[in-house]
Amino acid sequence: MLFRYKKSFEKIAMGLMSFMPKERELKKLQQTMHIYEENPDWQLFLWKKEDDFVGLLGVEVSEKSYTIHHLSVNPSHRGDGIGHEMVEKIQNLMQDRKMLATEETEPFLKKCPIKKGDL
């Protein structure tokens, strides 16, 4: 299940985001978290499986599109389809907006079943 980020999830979110290659350095990770906390166009979501948060999805939303900047799954849960489920849920949430990717998220997103017209 997808949950919108709250400040009380900060340590969990930072841990999950740190699995992304460009977010491993603490200072960069803190800067990224600051963007999600301060900019309303940047939205962060956590994926909960049973009692644990095991995935993270970060998007930048505009009027007609949204860009997936961050997508991370705890290594012990990779291969379970969680990344694909998060992408499907965000597509449903964003409805008629076009999904875009960054250089870092595009390879994974191309493997996901996507709505017509996305990417």
N, C-alpha and C. Protein backbone atom coordinates (compact mmCIF):
# COMPACT_ATOMS: atom_id res chain seq x y z
N MET A 1 0.84 -1.18 0.00
CA MET A 1 0.00 0.00 0.00
C MET A 1 0.89 1.24 0.00
N LEU A 2 0.50 2.24 -0.77
CA LEU A 2 1.26 3.47 -0.91
C LEU A 2 0.81 4.50 0.14
N PHE A 3 1.79 5.06 0.86
CA PHE A 3 1.52 6.08 1.88
C PHE A 3 2.26 7.35 1.51
N ARG A 4 1.60 8.48 1.68
CA ARG A 4 2.24 9.78 1.46
C ARG A 4 3.25 10.01 2.58
N TYR A 5 4.40 10.53 2.26
CA TYR A 5 5.47 10.80 3.21
C TYR A 5 5.02 11.78 4.29
N LYS A 6 5.41 11.49 5.52
CA LYS A 6 5.25 12.40 6.66
C LYS A 6 6.61 12.51 7.34
N LYS A 7 6.83 13.59 8.03
CA LYS A 7 8.11 13.83 8.71
C LYS A 7 8.47 12.67 9.65
N SER A 8 7.48 12.03 10.24
CA SER A 8 7.76 10.92 11.15
C SER A 8 8.35 9.71 10.42
N PHE A 9 8.26 9.69 9.08
CA PHE A 9 8.84 8.60 8.27
C PHE A 9 10.24 8.94 7.77
N GLU A 10 10.81 10.06 8.23
CA GLU A 10 12.05 10.56 7.64
C GLU A 10 13.19 9.54 7.64
N LYS A 11 13.47 8.90 8.76
CA LYS A 11 14.60 7.95 8.82
C LYS A 11 14.36 6.76 7.90
N ILE A 12 13.14 6.27 7.85
CA ILE A 12 12.82 5.15 6.97
C ILE A 12 13.00 5.58 5.52
N ALA A 13 12.49 6.75 5.17
CA ALA A 13 12.59 7.26 3.80
C ALA A 13 14.05 7.46 3.41
N MET A 14 14.85 8.02 4.29
CA MET A 14 16.27 8.23 3.99
C MET A 14 16.98 6.89 3.79
N GLY A 15 16.64 5.91 4.59
CA GLY A 15 17.24 4.58 4.45
C GLY A 15 16.90 3.97 3.10
N LEU A 16 15.64 4.05 2.70
CA LEU A 16 15.24 3.49 1.41
C LEU A 16 15.84 4.27 0.25
N MET A 17 15.87 5.59 0.36
CA MET A 17 16.43 6.40 -0.72
C MET A 17 17.93 6.18 -0.87
N SER A 18 18.59 5.85 0.22
CA SER A 18 20.05 5.65 0.17
C SER A 18 20.45 4.45 -0.68
N PHE A 19 19.48 3.60 -1.05
CA PHE A 19 19.78 2.47 -1.95
C PHE A 19 19.97 2.94 -3.39
N MET A 20 19.58 4.19 -3.69
CA MET A 20 19.77 4.73 -5.03
C MET A 20 21.21 5.23 -5.15
N PRO A 21 21.89 4.88 -6.22
CA PRO A 21 23.32 5.22 -6.36
C PRO A 21 23.66 6.70 -6.14
N LYS A 22 22.85 7.62 -6.64
CA LYS A 22 23.17 9.04 -6.52
C LYS A 22 22.79 9.63 -5.17
N GLU A 23 22.19 8.83 -4.31
CA GLU A 23 21.73 9.33 -3.00
C GLU A 23 22.49 8.71 -1.83
N ARG A 24 23.59 8.08 -2.08
CA ARG A 24 24.32 7.38 -1.01
C ARG A 24 25.04 8.32 -0.05
N GLU A 25 25.48 9.45 -0.54
CA GLU A 25 26.21 10.41 0.28
C GLU A 25 25.21 11.17 1.18
N LEU A 26 25.49 11.23 2.48
CA LEU A 26 24.57 11.80 3.45
C LEU A 26 24.15 13.22 3.11
N LYS A 27 25.09 14.07 2.72
CA LYS A 27 24.76 15.46 2.43
C LYS A 27 23.78 15.56 1.24
N LYS A 28 24.01 14.79 0.20
CA LYS A 28 23.13 14.77 -0.97
C LYS A 28 21.75 14.24 -0.57
N LEU A 29 21.73 13.20 0.23
CA LEU A 29 20.48 12.61 0.71
C LEU A 29 19.66 13.62 1.51
N GLN A 30 20.32 14.37 2.38
CA GLN A 30 19.63 15.38 3.18
C GLN A 30 19.07 16.49 2.29
N GLN A 31 19.83 16.89 1.26
CA GLN A 31 19.35 17.91 0.33
C GLN A 31 18.10 17.44 -0.41
N THR A 32 18.12 16.19 -0.84
CA THR A 32 16.97 15.63 -1.55
C THR A 32 15.75 15.57 -0.64
N MET A 33 15.93 15.13 0.58
CA MET A 33 14.82 15.06 1.53
C MET A 33 14.25 16.45 1.77
N HIS A 34 15.11 17.44 1.84
CA HIS A 34 14.68 18.83 2.04
C HIS A 34 13.77 19.28 0.89
N ILE A 35 14.11 18.91 -0.33
CA ILE A 35 13.29 19.27 -1.50
C ILE A 35 11.89 18.69 -1.34
N TYR A 36 11.82 17.41 -0.97
CA TYR A 36 10.51 16.77 -0.81
C TYR A 36 9.71 17.38 0.33
N GLU A 37 10.38 17.82 1.36
CA GLU A 37 9.68 18.40 2.51
C GLU A 37 9.22 19.83 2.26
N GLU A 38 9.96 20.59 1.46
CA GLU A 38 9.69 22.01 1.28
C GLU A 38 8.93 22.37 0.00
N ASN A 39 9.05 21.57 -1.04
CA ASN A 39 8.44 21.92 -2.32
C ASN A 39 7.17 21.09 -2.54
N PRO A 40 6.00 21.72 -2.59
CA PRO A 40 4.75 20.97 -2.74
C PRO A 40 4.63 20.21 -4.07
N ASP A 41 5.41 20.59 -5.08
CA ASP A 41 5.38 19.88 -6.36
C ASP A 41 6.16 18.57 -6.32
N TRP A 42 6.98 18.39 -5.30
CA TRP A 42 7.76 17.17 -5.14
C TRP A 42 7.07 16.33 -4.07
N GLN A 43 6.61 15.16 -4.46
CA GLN A 43 5.85 14.31 -3.55
C GLN A 43 6.55 12.97 -3.36
N LEU A 44 6.62 12.55 -2.12
CA LEU A 44 7.31 11.31 -1.76
C LEU A 44 6.29 10.34 -1.18
N PHE A 45 6.41 9.09 -1.60
CA PHE A 45 5.51 8.03 -1.14
C PHE A 45 6.32 6.85 -0.64
N LEU A 46 5.78 6.15 0.34
CA LEU A 46 6.41 4.94 0.86
C LEU A 46 5.46 3.78 0.64
N TRP A 47 6.03 2.61 0.37
CA TRP A 47 5.24 1.40 0.15
C TRP A 47 5.36 0.52 1.38
N LYS A 48 4.21 0.14 1.91
CA LYS A 48 4.18 -0.68 3.12
C LYS A 48 3.72 -2.09 2.75
N LYS A 49 4.50 -3.06 3.17
CA LYS A 49 4.16 -4.48 2.98
C LYS A 49 4.08 -5.09 4.37
N GLU A 50 2.92 -5.58 4.71
CA GLU A 50 2.65 -6.08 6.06
C GLU A 50 2.94 -4.97 7.07
N ASP A 51 3.93 -5.10 7.92
CA ASP A 51 4.20 -4.08 8.94
C ASP A 51 5.41 -3.21 8.65
N ASP A 52 6.05 -3.40 7.49
CA ASP A 52 7.28 -2.67 7.19
C ASP A 52 7.16 -1.83 5.93
N PHE A 53 7.84 -0.68 5.95
CA PHE A 53 7.98 0.10 4.73
C PHE A 53 9.16 -0.50 3.96
N VAL A 54 8.89 -0.91 2.72
CA VAL A 54 9.93 -1.60 1.95
C VAL A 54 10.24 -0.92 0.62
N GLY A 55 9.50 0.15 0.27
CA GLY A 55 9.74 0.83 -0.99
C GLY A 55 9.49 2.31 -0.89
N LEU A 56 10.05 3.04 -1.85
CA LEU A 56 9.94 4.49 -1.87
C LEU A 56 9.79 4.94 -3.32
N LEU A 57 8.94 5.94 -3.53
CA LEU A 57 8.72 6.50 -4.86
C LEU A 57 8.61 8.01 -4.72
N GLY A 58 9.42 8.75 -5.47
CA GLY A 58 9.41 10.20 -5.41
C GLY A 58 9.12 10.80 -6.77
N VAL A 59 8.15 11.72 -6.82
CA VAL A 59 7.74 12.33 -8.09
C VAL A 59 7.74 13.84 -7.99
N GLU A 60 7.97 14.46 -9.13
CA GLU A 60 7.80 15.90 -9.28
C GLU A 60 6.57 16.09 -10.18
N VAL A 61 5.58 16.78 -9.67
CA VAL A 61 4.29 16.89 -10.35
C VAL A 61 4.14 18.28 -10.99
N SER A 62 3.70 18.27 -12.23
CA SER A 62 3.33 19.52 -12.89
C SER A 62 1.89 19.38 -13.37
N GLU A 63 1.38 20.39 -14.03
CA GLU A 63 -0.02 20.39 -14.43
C GLU A 63 -0.38 19.23 -15.36
N LYS A 64 0.50 18.92 -16.31
CA LYS A 64 0.17 17.90 -17.31
C LYS A 64 1.01 16.64 -17.22
N SER A 65 2.02 16.63 -16.35
CA SER A 65 2.89 15.46 -16.26
C SER A 65 3.44 15.30 -14.85
N TYR A 66 4.13 14.20 -14.65
CA TYR A 66 4.87 13.97 -13.42
C TYR A 66 6.12 13.17 -13.78
N THR A 67 7.20 13.48 -13.09
CA THR A 67 8.47 12.82 -13.35
C THR A 67 8.84 11.97 -12.14
N ILE A 68 9.13 10.71 -12.39
CA ILE A 68 9.57 9.84 -11.31
C ILE A 68 11.08 10.03 -11.15
N HIS A 69 11.46 10.67 -10.04
CA HIS A 69 12.86 10.95 -9.75
C HIS A 69 13.50 9.85 -8.91
N HIS A 70 12.73 9.27 -8.01
CA HIS A 70 13.28 8.27 -7.09
C HIS A 70 12.37 7.06 -7.04
N LEU A 71 12.97 5.89 -7.10
CA LEU A 71 12.25 4.64 -7.02
C LEU A 71 13.21 3.64 -6.39
N SER A 72 12.87 3.15 -5.22
CA SER A 72 13.78 2.29 -4.48
C SER A 72 13.00 1.23 -3.71
N VAL A 73 13.55 0.03 -3.69
CA VAL A 73 12.97 -1.08 -2.93
C VAL A 73 14.07 -1.69 -2.07
N ASN A 74 13.74 -1.98 -0.83
CA ASN A 74 14.68 -2.65 0.07
C ASN A 74 15.23 -3.89 -0.65
N PRO A 75 16.55 -4.08 -0.67
CA PRO A 75 17.13 -5.22 -1.39
C PRO A 75 16.55 -6.58 -1.01
N SER A 76 16.14 -6.76 0.22
CA SER A 76 15.59 -8.06 0.62
C SER A 76 14.19 -8.30 0.05
N HIS A 77 13.59 -7.28 -0.56
CA HIS A 77 12.25 -7.42 -1.15
C HIS A 77 12.26 -7.22 -2.66
N ARG A 78 13.44 -7.09 -3.24
CA ARG A 78 13.51 -6.93 -4.70
C ARG A 78 13.13 -8.23 -5.37
N GLY A 79 12.52 -8.10 -6.52
CA GLY A 79 12.05 -9.28 -7.25
C GLY A 79 10.65 -9.70 -6.86
N ASP A 80 10.04 -8.99 -5.91
CA ASP A 80 8.68 -9.32 -5.45
C ASP A 80 7.61 -8.54 -6.21
N GLY A 81 8.01 -7.69 -7.15
CA GLY A 81 7.04 -6.90 -7.91
C GLY A 81 6.62 -5.60 -7.25
N ILE A 82 7.30 -5.22 -6.17
CA ILE A 82 6.93 -4.01 -5.44
C ILE A 82 7.13 -2.75 -6.28
N GLY A 83 8.24 -2.68 -6.99
CA GLY A 83 8.50 -1.52 -7.86
C GLY A 83 7.40 -1.35 -8.90
N HIS A 84 7.00 -2.45 -9.52
CA HIS A 84 5.94 -2.41 -10.53
C HIS A 84 4.62 -1.97 -9.89
N GLU A 85 4.33 -2.48 -8.69
CA GLU A 85 3.10 -2.09 -7.99
C GLU A 85 3.09 -0.60 -7.66
N MET A 86 4.24 -0.08 -7.21
CA MET A 86 4.31 1.35 -6.89
C MET A 86 4.06 2.19 -8.14
N VAL A 87 4.64 1.79 -9.27
CA VAL A 87 4.45 2.54 -10.52
C VAL A 87 2.98 2.48 -10.94
N GLU A 88 2.36 1.33 -10.82
CA GLU A 88 0.94 1.21 -11.17
C GLU A 88 0.08 2.11 -10.30
N LYS A 89 0.35 2.14 -9.00
CA LYS A 89 -0.43 2.97 -8.07
C LYS A 89 -0.25 4.45 -8.37
N ILE A 90 0.98 4.87 -8.67
CA ILE A 90 1.22 6.29 -8.94
C ILE A 90 0.54 6.69 -10.26
N GLN A 91 0.51 5.78 -11.23
CA GLN A 91 -0.19 6.08 -12.48
C GLN A 91 -1.67 6.30 -12.21
N ASN A 92 -2.24 5.48 -11.34
CA ASN A 92 -3.66 5.64 -10.98
C ASN A 92 -3.89 6.95 -10.23
N LEU A 93 -2.96 7.30 -9.34
CA LEU A 93 -3.08 8.54 -8.57
C LEU A 93 -2.98 9.78 -9.46
N MET A 94 -2.09 9.74 -10.42
CA MET A 94 -1.83 10.90 -11.28
C MET A 94 -2.79 10.99 -12.45
N GLN A 95 -3.61 10.00 -12.64
CA GLN A 95 -4.67 9.94 -13.64
C GLN A 95 -4.24 10.37 -15.03
N ASP A 96 -4.66 11.53 -15.49
CA ASP A 96 -4.44 11.93 -16.88
C ASP A 96 -3.09 12.59 -17.15
N ARG A 97 -2.26 12.70 -16.15
CA ARG A 97 -0.93 13.29 -16.37
C ARG A 97 -0.03 12.27 -17.05
N LYS A 98 0.90 12.77 -17.84
CA LYS A 98 1.87 11.92 -18.54
C LYS A 98 3.03 11.60 -17.60
N MET A 99 3.42 10.33 -17.54
CA MET A 99 4.55 9.91 -16.71
C MET A 99 5.86 10.10 -17.48
N LEU A 100 6.81 10.75 -16.81
CA LEU A 100 8.14 10.95 -17.37
C LEU A 100 9.16 10.31 -16.43
N ALA A 101 10.38 10.12 -16.92
CA ALA A 101 11.43 9.49 -16.13
C ALA A 101 12.69 10.32 -16.17
N THR A 102 13.57 10.06 -15.23
CA THR A 102 14.90 10.65 -15.26
C THR A 102 15.82 9.61 -15.88
N GLU A 103 17.04 10.01 -16.14
CA GLU A 103 18.04 9.08 -16.67
C GLU A 103 18.20 7.88 -15.74
N GLU A 104 18.09 8.14 -14.44
CA GLU A 104 18.29 7.10 -13.45
C GLU A 104 17.09 6.15 -13.32
N THR A 105 15.87 6.65 -13.50
CA THR A 105 14.69 5.81 -13.31
C THR A 105 14.16 5.19 -14.62
N GLU A 106 14.58 5.74 -15.74
CA GLU A 106 14.05 5.27 -17.03
C GLU A 106 14.28 3.78 -17.29
N PRO A 107 15.47 3.22 -17.05
CA PRO A 107 15.66 1.79 -17.34
C PRO A 107 14.64 0.89 -16.62
N PHE A 108 14.35 1.20 -15.36
CA PHE A 108 13.38 0.38 -14.64
C PHE A 108 11.97 0.62 -15.17
N LEU A 109 11.61 1.88 -15.40
CA LEU A 109 10.26 2.21 -15.84
C LEU A 109 9.93 1.60 -17.20
N LYS A 110 10.93 1.43 -18.04
CA LYS A 110 10.70 0.80 -19.35
C LYS A 110 10.32 -0.67 -19.20
N LYS A 111 10.61 -1.28 -18.06
CA LYS A 111 10.26 -2.68 -17.80
C LYS A 111 8.85 -2.81 -17.23
N CYS A 112 8.26 -1.69 -16.82
CA CYS A 112 6.94 -1.71 -16.18
C CYS A 112 5.83 -1.63 -17.22
N PRO A 113 4.69 -2.27 -16.92
CA PRO A 113 3.53 -2.03 -17.76
C PRO A 113 3.08 -0.60 -17.55
N ILE A 114 3.05 0.19 -18.62
CA ILE A 114 2.71 1.60 -18.46
C ILE A 114 1.49 1.95 -19.30
N LYS A 115 0.85 3.03 -18.89
CA LYS A 115 -0.30 3.52 -19.64
C LYS A 115 0.14 4.02 -21.01
N LYS A 116 -0.73 3.96 -21.96
CA LYS A 116 -0.46 4.46 -23.30
C LYS A 116 -0.07 5.93 -23.23
N GLY A 117 0.99 6.29 -23.93
CA GLY A 117 1.42 7.68 -23.98
C GLY A 117 2.46 8.07 -22.95
N ASP A 118 2.71 7.20 -21.96
CA ASP A 118 3.71 7.53 -20.95
C ASP A 118 5.11 7.19 -21.46
N LEU A 119 6.08 7.87 -20.87
CA LEU A 119 7.51 7.77 -21.19
C LEU A 119 7.76 8.08 -22.60
